[in-house]
Amino acid sequence: MFKSVGRAPKRTGLEYAKRENSGGLITDMGIHDFDLARWPMGSDVTRMQSEGSCVVFPELNEVGDIDNAVVNLKFANNAVRNIDVSRNAVYGYGIRTEVLGSEAAVMIGKMQQTATLTFTCNGVTHDTVRYFMERFGDVYGDEIWGFVNCIVEDRPPSVLGQEARPARIIGVAAICSLDESRPVFIGEI
């Protein structure tokens, strides 16, 4: 069993939130989890069921988006995965993955920016990552330089566009499931 959490601390801009611009909450925030879905499971997604709502930022309804969603994936090997995405993590940017296997479990990710804990008579506190640029800014820079180097050295990138296709298909199926309030099989897309 696999669980992914992707939560942003604030609402995105309304223009960006439109599906034609970002794909909406499920695609915008879930695409990385859809991309990662098949690798640790060793299997392809066969169907998914999405549920979502707009309970915190009603203005998102006006552009056809939501602020919270859950997507459940079923794999050909009968494994399951749950992905939750939200635009309302007021405590900071939260992203993590949990895998529960037959002999062990692993949790990847943390909410803390640093390893510092403060202990007082009121409890233990720590800092949090405020937004995705603090978490992934260096990685974005590395990706840009990698792309530039491919151009300068006239070589193909190490990750090709067709590798994103399965994640995009899962995303389209997840949106279809949300819109039609039903499970959607990958073969329908």
Protein backbone atom coordinates (compact mmCIF):
# COMPACT_ATOMS: atom_id res chain seq x y z
CA MET A 1 0.00 0.00 0.00
CA PHE A 2 1.26 3.44 -0.91
CA LYS A 3 0.21 6.86 0.42
CA SER A 4 1.24 10.25 -0.97
CA VAL A 5 0.50 13.66 0.51
CA GLY A 6 0.96 16.96 -1.32
CA ARG A 7 -0.32 20.03 0.48
CA ALA A 8 0.33 23.68 -0.32
CA PRO A 9 0.02 26.39 2.34
CA LYS A 10 -2.05 28.77 0.25
CA ARG A 11 -4.41 29.08 -2.66
CA THR A 12 -2.84 29.49 -6.06
CA GLY A 13 -3.79 32.41 -8.28
CA LEU A 14 -7.24 32.09 -9.84
CA GLU A 15 -5.97 32.41 -13.41
CA TYR A 16 -3.47 29.59 -12.80
CA ALA A 17 -6.12 27.45 -11.09
CA LYS A 18 -8.19 27.18 -14.28
CA ARG A 19 -7.95 23.68 -15.72
CA GLU A 20 -6.89 24.97 -19.12
CA ASN A 21 -3.85 26.60 -17.46
CA SER A 22 -2.73 24.19 -14.73
CA GLY A 23 -4.99 21.17 -15.04
CA GLY A 24 -6.63 22.14 -11.75
CA LEU A 25 -5.69 20.93 -8.28
CA ILE A 26 -5.54 17.21 -9.10
CA THR A 27 -3.26 17.59 -12.10
CA ASP A 28 -1.24 20.52 -10.76
CA MET A 29 -0.37 18.93 -7.44
CA GLY A 30 -0.93 15.23 -8.14
CA ILE A 31 1.03 14.84 -11.39
CA HIS A 32 4.30 14.07 -9.58
CA ASP A 33 2.57 11.36 -7.56
CA PHE A 34 0.99 9.94 -10.73
CA ASP A 35 4.47 9.90 -12.27
CA LEU A 36 5.87 8.11 -9.24
CA ALA A 37 2.89 5.76 -8.90
CA ARG A 38 4.10 2.91 -11.11
CA TRP A 39 7.74 2.70 -10.08
CA PRO A 40 7.62 1.36 -6.48
CA MET A 41 4.53 -0.76 -7.23
CA GLY A 42 6.18 -2.51 -10.15
CA SER A 43 2.82 -2.40 -11.90
CA ASP A 44 0.60 -0.18 -14.03
CA VAL A 45 -2.50 1.64 -12.81
CA THR A 46 -5.71 0.01 -14.00
CA ARG A 47 -8.36 2.27 -12.44
CA MET A 48 -8.82 5.22 -10.12
CA GLN A 49 -11.50 6.99 -8.13
CA SER A 50 -11.29 10.69 -7.29
CA GLU A 51 -13.19 12.71 -4.73
CA GLY A 52 -12.74 16.42 -4.26
CA SER A 53 -14.41 19.51 -2.96
CA CYS A 54 -14.03 23.23 -2.56
CA VAL A 55 -14.53 23.91 1.14
CA VAL A 56 -11.98 26.59 2.01
CA PHE A 57 -11.65 28.86 -1.03
CA PRO A 58 -15.08 29.23 -2.67
CA GLU A 59 -13.60 31.53 -5.32
CA LEU A 60 -11.93 28.45 -6.83
CA ASN A 61 -15.40 27.19 -7.79
CA GLU A 62 -15.74 30.23 -10.05
CA VAL A 63 -12.82 29.02 -12.20
CA GLY A 64 -13.74 25.33 -12.06
CA ASP A 65 -11.22 24.22 -9.46
CA ILE A 66 -11.30 22.71 -5.96
CA ASP A 67 -9.06 23.02 -2.91
CA ASN A 68 -8.96 19.44 -1.55
CA ALA A 69 -8.96 16.04 -3.27
CA VAL A 70 -8.24 12.37 -2.74
CA VAL A 71 -7.36 10.00 -5.58
CA ASN A 72 -7.30 6.23 -5.03
CA LEU A 73 -5.39 4.13 -7.56
CA LYS A 74 -5.70 0.39 -8.18
CA PHE A 75 -2.84 -1.44 -9.90
CA ALA A 76 -2.74 -4.50 -12.15
CA ASN A 77 -1.00 -6.42 -9.34
CA ASN A 78 -3.85 -5.49 -6.90
CA ALA A 79 -1.72 -2.99 -4.98
CA VAL A 80 -3.44 0.25 -3.96
CA ARG A 81 -2.29 3.82 -3.64
CA ASN A 82 -3.91 6.86 -2.05
CA ILE A 83 -2.96 10.41 -2.98
CA ASP A 84 -4.27 13.44 -1.14
CA VAL A 85 -3.72 16.97 -2.37
CA SER A 86 -4.76 20.24 -0.76
CA ARG A 87 -4.30 23.98 -1.11
CA ASN A 88 -4.96 24.58 2.59
CA ALA A 89 -1.94 23.42 4.61
CA VAL A 90 -1.82 26.53 6.79
CA TYR A 91 1.14 25.08 8.73
CA GLY A 92 3.43 25.12 5.63
CA TYR A 93 4.27 23.09 2.56
CA GLY A 94 3.75 19.39 3.28
CA ILE A 95 4.88 16.62 0.99
CA ARG A 96 5.58 13.02 1.89
CA THR A 97 5.21 9.43 0.80
CA GLU A 98 4.59 6.31 2.82
CA VAL A 99 4.99 2.74 1.57
CA LEU A 100 3.67 -0.22 3.54
CA GLY A 101 5.06 -3.50 2.27
CA SER A 102 4.72 -7.10 3.37
CA GLU A 103 7.89 -6.96 5.48
CA ALA A 104 8.58 -3.30 6.18
CA ALA A 105 7.36 0.26 5.84
CA VAL A 106 9.11 3.46 4.86
CA MET A 107 8.18 7.14 5.14
CA ILE A 108 9.88 9.67 2.86
CA GLY A 109 9.65 13.41 3.36
CA LYS A 110 9.53 15.83 6.23
CA MET A 111 7.77 18.99 7.17
CA GLN A 112 10.78 20.59 8.83
CA GLN A 113 13.12 22.95 7.01
CA THR A 114 15.86 22.20 9.54
CA ALA A 115 16.45 19.48 12.09
CA THR A 116 16.05 21.96 14.96
CA LEU A 117 13.55 21.17 17.73
CA THR A 118 12.69 23.64 20.50
CA PHE A 119 11.66 22.13 23.82
CA THR A 120 9.70 24.29 26.30
CA CYS A 121 7.22 23.71 29.08
CA ASN A 122 4.50 24.24 26.44
CA GLY A 123 5.75 21.39 24.26
CA VAL A 124 8.08 20.76 21.36
CA THR A 125 8.07 22.95 18.25
CA HIS A 126 9.96 23.07 14.98
CA ASP A 127 10.05 25.16 11.85
CA THR A 128 8.24 24.14 8.66
CA VAL A 129 8.88 24.50 4.98
CA ARG A 130 6.72 27.46 3.96
CA TYR A 131 6.36 26.79 0.23
CA PHE A 132 7.59 24.60 -2.62
CA MET A 133 10.43 26.92 -3.71
CA GLU A 134 12.09 26.52 -0.31
CA ARG A 135 11.74 22.74 -0.70
CA PHE A 136 12.62 22.36 -4.38
CA GLY A 137 14.32 25.59 -5.50
CA ASP A 138 17.77 24.02 -5.89
CA VAL A 139 16.31 21.11 -7.86
CA TYR A 140 14.51 23.46 -10.27
CA GLY A 141 17.83 25.25 -10.83
CA ASP A 142 19.59 21.94 -11.52
CA GLU A 143 16.87 20.98 -14.02
CA ILE A 144 17.22 24.28 -15.87
CA TRP A 145 21.02 23.96 -16.05
CA GLY A 146 20.66 20.36 -17.20
CA PHE A 147 18.35 21.49 -20.00
CA VAL A 148 20.72 24.30 -21.00
CA ASN A 149 23.64 21.85 -21.07
CA CYS A 150 21.67 19.55 -23.40
CA ILE A 151 21.25 22.46 -25.81
CA VAL A 152 24.87 23.60 -25.55
CA GLU A 153 26.22 20.05 -25.92
CA ASP A 154 23.62 19.12 -28.59
CA ARG A 155 22.50 15.98 -26.76
CA PRO A 156 19.09 14.64 -25.75
CA PRO A 157 17.91 15.03 -22.13
CA SER A 158 18.17 12.01 -19.85
CA VAL A 159 14.39 12.02 -19.33
CA LEU A 160 12.29 12.06 -22.47
CA GLY A 161 8.79 13.43 -22.99
CA GLN A 162 7.18 10.04 -23.57
CA GLU A 163 8.13 9.07 -20.03
CA ALA A 164 5.55 11.61 -18.78
CA ARG A 165 2.73 10.08 -20.84
CA PRO A 166 1.58 7.47 -18.27
CA ALA A 167 1.33 10.14 -15.56
CA ARG A 168 -0.67 12.39 -17.86
CA ILE A 169 -3.08 9.55 -18.70
CA ILE A 170 -3.56 8.85 -14.98
CA GLY A 171 -4.21 12.57 -14.43
CA VAL A 172 -6.81 12.72 -17.21
CA ALA A 173 -8.55 9.64 -15.78
CA ALA A 174 -8.48 11.15 -12.26
CA ILE A 175 -10.15 14.35 -13.51
CA CYS A 176 -12.73 12.30 -15.42
CA SER A 177 -13.46 10.34 -12.23
CA LEU A 178 -13.91 13.56 -10.27
CA ASP A 179 -16.19 15.10 -12.89
CA GLU A 180 -18.31 11.98 -13.38
CA SER A 181 -18.30 10.74 -9.73
CA ARG A 182 -17.32 7.22 -10.69
CA PRO A 183 -14.30 4.92 -10.96
CA VAL A 184 -12.48 5.32 -14.27
CA PHE A 185 -10.44 2.57 -15.93
CA ILE A 186 -7.20 3.54 -17.71
CA GLY A 187 -8.45 1.76 -20.83
CA GLU A 188 -11.22 4.38 -21.13
CA ILE A 189 -8.70 7.16 -21.73
